[in-house]
Amino acid sequence: DEAVEKMGADVMRWIYVKQNPKFNLNFGFKLAEESKNTLALIFNLSSYITQAITLEDKKIKKPKKLEVEDKWLFSKINKLIDEVTNSLESLKPNIASTKIEEFFTETFSRTYIQYIRERVQSTKSKNKEAAIYALYSSMITLLKLLAPFVPFLTEKVYQDSFRKYEKIESIHLQDWPKSDKKAINNKLEEQFSQVNEIIKLALSEREKVNLGIRWPLSSLIIITKDKKITEAVKSLREIIETQVNVKDIQIKTAGAGVEFRGGKLYLDTKLNPELEQEGFVRELKRRIQTLRKKAGLEKQNKISLVVISDYSIEKWESYLKDEVGAKELDLKLKEKSYKFTSTEKIKDKEFKISF
């Protein structure tokens, strides 16, 4: 009882249920902190999803078309339903809970949300509805799978974030999910696995030269003789381009590069003036969005924006307005008092932002 008071019943349940009963459990409060931090991700995911659902989306509708990353997520979650159900029916809750945790910590939060971040946040995104539907329906399924293990947490998240969209009054009155076998696509999952390895390696190459993801690069060269990898790269080219932020991907059968399982890659890290300008604008966009957040603005709130700098960004005026929710943008104004002002240094350039 003392431990439950200190750490919470669901945190304790999660510690117990993940433990392989073959082995002793070293119980302690440090272990509880790890478990608590893991479960806190459920709240973060729910918050992200509810923010993504716009006011007009009072009913979550199945879209006419899913993007390839949405199909991948549905394949993963339908496979998860089978794995969890089979583990529970064979009295192996430790395997079921471990599979669930792997899904929401890796597949859902670290991978899929990275894939669709731009689709969800941008005003001119492609098939935003499908991303929101995939987020929402996968989260509801995840809560159903989690409910027997952490009943208090799942009920709170359900009531606070999703009850207004659902007819059923409690997560514990929902039916246990059944998998859609047609949605499971092992070939697609294998392709994503290969491409994810390429993305991680390319991002590592960026880190080596201290070049953040907002700075676009001209090309990524994949060197491989493996037909499966070639097919995966061609099928998921757009995913790689977006995640690595490159303008072009080339596939070659020979050449020098950094090795990965089944091939090599070479990332051109040289910035030409055009790519550099785009990088400055993307960094500037992030700074403005941070200032908006500090000012307590919601996404739908429009601002009157002024950006003053010796570095010209006129070519990107329309893009910047759309991305930061500006009804007007002035790049030449010299004197006027605005409520929020900040001077931002990006590399060796200075930008005075006011709105």
Protein backbone atom coordinates (compact mmCIF):
# COMPACT_ATOMS: atom_id res chain seq x y z
CA ASP A 1 0.00 0.00 0.00
CA GLU A 2 2.85 2.39 0.81
CA ALA A 3 4.43 1.73 -2.58
CA VAL A 4 1.11 2.30 -4.39
CA GLU A 5 0.73 5.66 -2.60
CA LYS A 6 4.23 6.71 -3.65
CA MET A 7 4.28 5.52 -7.25
CA GLY A 8 0.69 4.90 -8.33
CA ALA A 9 -1.13 1.60 -8.82
CA ASP A 10 -0.72 1.47 -12.61
CA VAL A 11 3.02 2.11 -12.41
CA MET A 12 3.32 -0.83 -10.03
CA ARG A 13 1.13 -3.01 -12.24
CA TRP A 14 3.30 -2.20 -15.27
CA ILE A 15 6.46 -3.18 -13.38
CA TYR A 16 4.92 -6.50 -12.36
CA VAL A 17 3.30 -7.39 -15.66
CA LYS A 18 6.48 -6.87 -17.71
CA GLN A 19 8.45 -9.19 -15.45
CA ASN A 20 9.21 -12.68 -16.75
CA PRO A 21 7.87 -14.95 -13.96
CA LYS A 22 10.88 -17.27 -14.40
CA PHE A 23 13.03 -14.68 -12.63
CA ASN A 24 12.94 -12.74 -9.38
CA LEU A 25 11.82 -9.10 -9.54
CA ASN A 26 14.14 -6.57 -7.93
CA PHE A 27 11.52 -4.15 -6.73
CA GLY A 28 12.40 -0.52 -6.00
CA PHE A 29 11.49 3.11 -6.54
CA LYS A 30 14.16 3.71 -9.20
CA LEU A 31 12.49 1.01 -11.29
CA ALA A 32 9.20 2.83 -10.69
CA GLU A 33 10.60 6.07 -12.16
CA GLU A 34 11.53 4.26 -15.38
CA SER A 35 8.06 2.74 -15.59
CA LYS A 36 6.39 6.07 -14.85
CA ASN A 37 8.40 7.85 -17.56
CA THR A 38 7.47 5.16 -20.08
CA LEU A 39 3.76 5.35 -19.30
CA ALA A 40 3.85 9.17 -19.41
CA LEU A 41 4.39 8.78 -23.14
CA ILE A 42 0.73 7.69 -23.43
CA PHE A 43 -0.34 11.13 -22.16
CA ASN A 44 2.07 12.84 -24.57
CA LEU A 45 0.78 10.84 -27.53
CA SER A 46 -2.84 11.60 -26.60
CA SER A 47 -2.09 15.31 -26.28
CA TYR A 48 -0.37 15.34 -29.69
CA ILE A 49 -3.30 13.56 -31.34
CA THR A 50 -6.01 15.78 -29.84
CA GLN A 51 -4.07 18.88 -30.93
CA ALA A 52 -3.87 17.45 -34.44
CA ILE A 53 -7.63 17.02 -34.64
CA THR A 54 -8.97 20.34 -35.87
CA LEU A 55 -12.30 21.86 -34.85
CA GLU A 56 -14.08 20.73 -38.02
CA ASP A 57 -13.09 17.09 -37.42
CA LYS A 58 -15.87 16.44 -34.90
CA LYS A 59 -16.24 12.98 -36.45
CA ILE A 60 -13.18 11.00 -37.37
CA LYS A 61 -13.87 9.59 -40.82
CA LYS A 62 -12.06 6.86 -42.67
CA PRO A 63 -10.29 8.53 -45.62
CA LYS A 64 -10.67 7.43 -49.23
CA LYS A 65 -6.93 6.92 -49.52
CA LEU A 66 -4.13 6.04 -47.11
CA GLU A 67 -0.52 7.06 -47.68
CA VAL A 68 2.16 4.36 -47.59
CA GLU A 69 3.28 5.29 -44.05
CA ASP A 70 -0.33 5.01 -42.84
CA LYS A 71 -0.58 1.52 -44.35
CA TRP A 72 2.66 0.60 -42.57
CA LEU A 73 1.25 1.75 -39.20
CA PHE A 74 -1.97 -0.20 -39.71
CA SER A 75 0.04 -3.29 -40.61
CA LYS A 76 2.05 -2.93 -37.40
CA ILE A 77 -0.93 -2.37 -35.11
CA ASN A 78 -2.98 -5.22 -36.58
CA LYS A 79 -0.03 -7.53 -36.10
CA LEU A 80 0.25 -6.20 -32.53
CA ILE A 81 -3.39 -7.12 -31.84
CA ASP A 82 -2.66 -10.74 -32.80
CA GLU A 83 0.57 -10.87 -30.78
CA VAL A 84 -1.02 -9.43 -27.63
CA THR A 85 -4.15 -11.59 -27.88
CA ASN A 86 -2.15 -14.78 -28.42
CA SER A 87 0.23 -13.95 -25.55
CA LEU A 88 -2.63 -13.32 -23.13
CA GLU A 89 -4.50 -16.46 -24.17
CA SER A 90 -1.34 -18.51 -23.58
CA LEU A 91 -0.91 -16.84 -20.14
CA LYS A 92 2.18 -14.81 -21.04
CA PRO A 93 1.26 -11.23 -20.06
CA ASN A 94 4.94 -10.27 -19.83
CA ILE A 95 5.34 -10.89 -23.59
CA ALA A 96 2.09 -9.04 -24.37
CA SER A 97 3.07 -5.97 -22.34
CA THR A 98 6.59 -5.88 -23.80
CA LYS A 99 5.15 -5.94 -27.36
CA ILE A 100 2.76 -3.10 -26.48
CA GLU A 101 5.57 -0.99 -25.02
CA GLU A 102 7.75 -1.56 -28.08
CA PHE A 103 4.88 -0.36 -30.24
CA PHE A 104 4.09 2.90 -28.46
CA THR A 105 7.69 3.85 -27.62
CA GLU A 106 9.27 3.01 -30.99
CA THR A 107 6.82 2.37 -33.85
CA PHE A 108 4.21 4.96 -32.90
CA SER A 109 6.00 7.85 -31.21
CA ARG A 110 9.55 7.76 -32.56
CA THR A 111 8.88 6.58 -36.10
CA TYR A 112 5.34 7.15 -37.39
CA ILE A 113 4.88 10.58 -35.81
CA GLN A 114 8.19 11.66 -37.38
CA TYR A 115 6.89 10.49 -40.75
CA ILE A 116 3.65 12.49 -40.55
CA ARG A 117 4.73 15.55 -38.53
CA GLU A 118 4.83 17.82 -41.59
CA ARG A 119 1.54 16.40 -42.92
CA VAL A 120 -0.21 17.19 -39.65
CA GLN A 121 1.34 20.59 -38.93
CA SER A 122 1.48 22.22 -42.36
CA THR A 123 -1.51 24.17 -43.68
CA LYS A 124 -0.86 22.86 -47.20
CA SER A 125 -0.18 19.24 -46.31
CA LYS A 126 -0.96 16.18 -48.39
CA ASN A 127 -3.81 13.98 -47.14
CA LYS A 128 -3.78 15.33 -43.58
CA GLU A 129 -7.10 13.56 -42.89
CA ALA A 130 -5.55 10.12 -43.41
CA ALA A 131 -2.73 10.88 -40.94
CA ILE A 132 -5.20 12.06 -38.29
CA TYR A 133 -7.38 8.98 -38.86
CA ALA A 134 -4.35 6.67 -38.53
CA LEU A 135 -3.22 8.45 -35.36
CA TYR A 136 -6.67 8.38 -33.78
CA SER A 137 -7.72 4.83 -34.61
CA SER A 138 -4.31 3.41 -33.65
CA MET A 139 -4.42 5.24 -30.32
CA ILE A 140 -7.90 3.91 -29.51
CA THR A 141 -6.70 0.37 -30.31
CA LEU A 142 -3.60 0.92 -28.18
CA LEU A 143 -5.74 2.04 -25.22
CA LYS A 144 -7.92 -1.08 -25.56
CA LEU A 145 -4.83 -3.31 -25.52
CA LEU A 146 -3.39 -1.44 -22.54
CA ALA A 147 -6.63 -1.32 -20.53
CA PRO A 148 -6.29 -4.69 -18.68
CA PHE A 149 -2.73 -3.76 -17.61
CA VAL A 150 -3.11 -0.09 -16.63
CA PRO A 151 -6.87 0.46 -16.09
CA PHE A 152 -6.71 3.85 -14.37
CA LEU A 153 -4.36 5.50 -16.85
CA THR A 154 -6.26 4.25 -19.91
CA GLU A 155 -9.63 5.35 -18.51
CA LYS A 156 -8.33 8.82 -17.70
CA VAL A 157 -6.81 9.27 -21.17
CA TYR A 158 -9.98 7.93 -22.78
CA GLN A 159 -12.27 10.28 -20.81
CA ASP A 160 -10.06 13.37 -21.12
CA SER A 161 -9.07 13.05 -24.77
CA PHE A 162 -11.27 10.67 -26.73
CA ARG A 163 -14.65 10.20 -25.04
CA LYS A 164 -16.16 13.15 -26.97
CA TYR A 165 -15.48 11.27 -30.24
CA GLU A 166 -16.65 7.85 -28.99
CA LYS A 167 -20.19 6.55 -28.34
CA ILE A 168 -19.12 4.08 -25.65
CA GLU A 169 -18.78 5.67 -22.22
CA SER A 170 -15.71 3.80 -20.91
CA ILE A 171 -12.62 2.21 -22.39
CA HIS A 172 -13.49 -0.88 -20.28
CA LEU A 173 -16.85 -1.23 -22.06
CA GLN A 174 -15.20 -1.28 -25.49
CA ASP A 175 -14.89 -4.60 -27.33
CA TRP A 176 -11.48 -6.25 -27.43
CA PRO A 177 -9.92 -5.40 -30.83
CA LYS A 178 -9.81 -7.95 -33.65
CA SER A 179 -7.09 -7.76 -36.24
CA ASP A 180 -7.72 -7.01 -39.90
CA LYS A 181 -5.61 -9.66 -41.63
CA LYS A 182 -5.86 -7.79 -44.95
CA ALA A 183 -4.09 -4.78 -43.41
CA ILE A 184 -1.01 -6.82 -42.44
CA ASN A 185 1.68 -6.37 -45.08
CA ASN A 186 4.95 -8.16 -44.25
CA LYS A 187 6.70 -6.98 -47.41
CA LEU A 188 5.92 -3.33 -46.64
CA GLU A 189 7.15 -3.76 -43.06
CA GLU A 190 10.41 -5.26 -44.33
CA GLN A 191 10.86 -2.35 -46.76
CA PHE A 192 10.31 0.18 -43.98
CA SER A 193 12.83 -1.68 -41.82
CA GLN A 194 15.45 -1.39 -44.58
CA VAL A 195 14.65 2.26 -45.25
CA ASN A 196 14.68 3.16 -41.53
CA GLU A 197 18.23 1.86 -41.32
CA ILE A 198 19.22 4.11 -44.24
CA ILE A 199 17.50 7.12 -42.65
CA LYS A 200 19.24 6.60 -39.28
CA LEU A 201 22.64 6.31 -40.96
CA ALA A 202 22.06 9.40 -43.12
CA LEU A 203 21.00 11.42 -40.05
CA SER A 204 24.15 10.20 -38.29
CA GLU A 205 26.21 11.53 -41.21
CA ARG A 206 24.46 14.90 -40.77
CA GLU A 207 25.44 14.94 -37.10
CA LYS A 208 29.09 14.31 -37.95
CA VAL A 209 29.25 17.61 -39.87
CA ASN A 210 26.96 19.40 -37.37
CA LEU A 211 24.25 20.02 -39.96
CA GLY A 212 20.72 20.03 -38.50
CA ILE A 213 17.75 18.46 -40.27
CA ARG A 214 16.28 21.85 -41.25
CA TRP A 215 19.15 22.46 -43.70
CA PRO A 216 18.25 20.80 -47.04
CA LEU A 217 20.89 18.85 -48.95
CA SER A 218 21.14 18.21 -52.66
CA SER A 219 21.52 14.43 -52.84
CA LEU A 220 21.77 11.07 -51.14
CA ILE A 221 23.42 8.23 -53.06
CA ILE A 222 22.52 4.63 -52.17
CA ILE A 223 25.11 2.10 -53.36
CA THR A 224 23.72 -1.45 -53.43
CA LYS A 225 23.35 -4.57 -55.57
CA ASP A 226 20.57 -5.90 -53.37
CA LYS A 227 17.32 -5.93 -55.39
CA LYS A 228 15.14 -5.79 -52.26
CA ILE A 229 16.90 -2.67 -50.98
CA THR A 230 16.68 -1.07 -54.44
CA GLU A 231 12.94 -1.80 -54.56
CA ALA A 232 12.45 -0.47 -51.02
CA VAL A 233 14.27 2.78 -51.78
CA LYS A 234 12.27 3.31 -54.98
CA SER A 235 8.96 2.56 -53.25
CA LEU A 236 9.68 4.76 -50.23
CA ARG A 237 11.77 7.46 -51.92
CA GLU A 238 9.52 10.27 -50.67
CA ILE A 239 9.80 9.08 -47.05
CA ILE A 240 13.61 9.10 -47.25
CA GLU A 241 13.71 12.52 -48.94
CA THR A 242 11.48 14.04 -46.25
CA GLN A 243 13.16 12.41 -43.25
CA VAL A 244 16.72 13.12 -44.39
CA ASN A 245 15.73 16.44 -46.07
CA VAL A 246 17.39 15.82 -49.42
CA LYS A 247 16.27 16.98 -52.84
CA ASP A 248 17.30 13.88 -54.79
CA ILE A 249 18.08 10.20 -54.23
CA GLN A 250 20.26 8.20 -56.60
CA ILE A 251 20.79 4.44 -56.63
CA LYS A 252 24.13 3.08 -57.87
CA THR A 253 25.69 -0.38 -57.91
CA ALA A 254 29.25 0.73 -57.06
CA GLY A 255 31.01 3.53 -55.24
CA ALA A 256 32.42 4.69 -51.90
CA GLY A 257 30.29 5.41 -48.86
CA VAL A 258 29.35 4.51 -45.31
CA GLU A 259 28.31 0.87 -44.95
CA PHE A 260 24.93 -0.41 -43.85
CA ARG A 261 23.39 -3.89 -44.00
CA GLY A 262 23.25 -4.65 -47.74
CA GLY A 263 24.97 -1.57 -49.14
CA LYS A 264 26.58 1.84 -48.64
CA LEU A 265 25.40 5.43 -48.71
CA TYR A 266 26.97 8.76 -49.52
CA LEU A 267 25.37 12.03 -48.36
CA ASP A 268 26.39 15.22 -50.15
CA THR A 269 26.70 17.70 -47.27
CA LYS A 270 27.74 20.73 -49.33
CA LEU A 271 25.28 23.66 -49.23
CA ASN A 272 24.81 25.83 -52.33
CA PRO A 273 23.31 29.36 -51.91
CA GLU A 274 19.76 28.19 -52.73
CA LEU A 275 19.84 25.32 -50.23
CA GLU A 276 21.41 27.61 -47.63
CA GLN A 277 18.61 30.15 -48.03
CA GLU A 278 15.97 27.45 -47.52
CA GLY A 279 17.83 26.33 -44.39
CA PHE A 280 17.79 29.84 -42.93
CA VAL A 281 14.05 30.12 -43.59
CA ARG A 282 13.31 26.76 -41.94
CA GLU A 283 15.34 27.76 -38.89
CA LEU A 284 13.58 31.14 -38.83
CA LYS A 285 10.21 29.38 -38.98
CA ARG A 286 11.10 27.34 -35.89
CA ARG A 287 12.17 30.47 -33.96
CA ILE A 288 8.89 32.24 -34.83
CA GLN A 289 6.84 29.21 -33.78
CA THR A 290 8.74 29.10 -30.47
CA LEU A 291 7.94 32.79 -29.90
CA ARG A 292 4.28 32.17 -30.73
CA LYS A 293 4.22 29.43 -28.10
CA LYS A 294 5.85 31.73 -25.50
CA ALA A 295 3.20 34.33 -26.31
CA GLY A 296 0.50 31.76 -25.49
CA LEU A 297 -0.95 31.68 -29.00
CA GLU A 298 -2.96 28.79 -30.40
CA LYS A 299 -2.37 27.41 -33.87
CA GLN A 300 -5.47 29.13 -35.27
CA ASN A 301 -4.41 32.59 -33.99
CA LYS A 302 -3.12 34.79 -36.83
CA ILE A 303 -0.28 37.29 -36.39
CA SER A 304 1.04 40.41 -38.12
CA LEU A 305 4.72 39.63 -38.60
CA VAL A 306 7.83 41.71 -39.28
CA VAL A 307 11.23 40.16 -40.06
CA ILE A 308 14.19 42.51 -40.52
CA SER A 309 17.59 41.27 -41.66
CA ASP A 310 20.42 42.07 -44.06
CA TYR A 311 19.92 38.53 -45.39
CA SER A 312 17.22 38.42 -48.06
CA ILE A 313 14.37 35.89 -47.70
CA GLU A 314 11.89 37.58 -50.09
CA LYS A 315 11.68 34.46 -52.24
CA TRP A 316 10.26 32.57 -49.23
CA GLU A 317 7.76 35.21 -48.08
CA SER A 318 4.62 33.25 -49.02
CA TYR A 319 5.95 30.00 -47.52
CA LEU A 320 6.86 31.66 -44.23
CA LYS A 321 3.44 33.34 -43.93
CA ASP A 322 1.61 30.05 -44.40
CA GLU A 323 3.84 28.08 -42.04
CA VAL A 324 3.75 30.46 -39.06
CA GLY A 325 0.14 31.63 -39.36
CA ALA A 326 0.84 35.22 -40.45
CA LYS A 327 -1.95 37.20 -42.10
CA GLU A 328 0.69 39.71 -43.20
CA LEU A 329 4.48 39.74 -43.37
CA ASP A 330 6.64 42.85 -43.73
CA LEU A 331 10.33 42.42 -44.57
CA LYS A 332 11.20 46.11 -44.83
CA LEU A 333 9.56 47.88 -41.89
CA LYS A 334 12.08 49.83 -39.82
CA GLU A 335 10.14 51.53 -37.07
CA LYS A 336 6.99 50.33 -35.40
CA SER A 337 6.19 49.06 -31.93
CA TYR A 338 5.04 45.42 -31.87
CA LYS A 339 3.96 43.49 -28.80
CA PHE A 340 6.46 40.63 -29.19
CA THR A 341 10.03 41.21 -30.35
CA SER A 342 13.14 39.05 -30.43
CA THR A 343 16.54 39.21 -32.12
CA GLU A 344 17.59 35.76 -33.32
CA LYS A 345 21.04 34.73 -34.54
CA ILE A 346 21.11 31.85 -37.02
CA LYS A 347 24.68 30.86 -37.90
CA ASP A 348 26.33 34.20 -38.78
CA LYS A 349 23.09 36.02 -39.70
CA GLU A 350 20.85 38.14 -37.50
CA PHE A 351 17.05 38.38 -37.76
CA LYS A 352 14.85 40.78 -35.80
CA ILE A 353 11.41 39.22 -35.39
CA SER A 354 8.38 41.24 -34.26
CA PHE A 355 4.67 40.39 -34.24
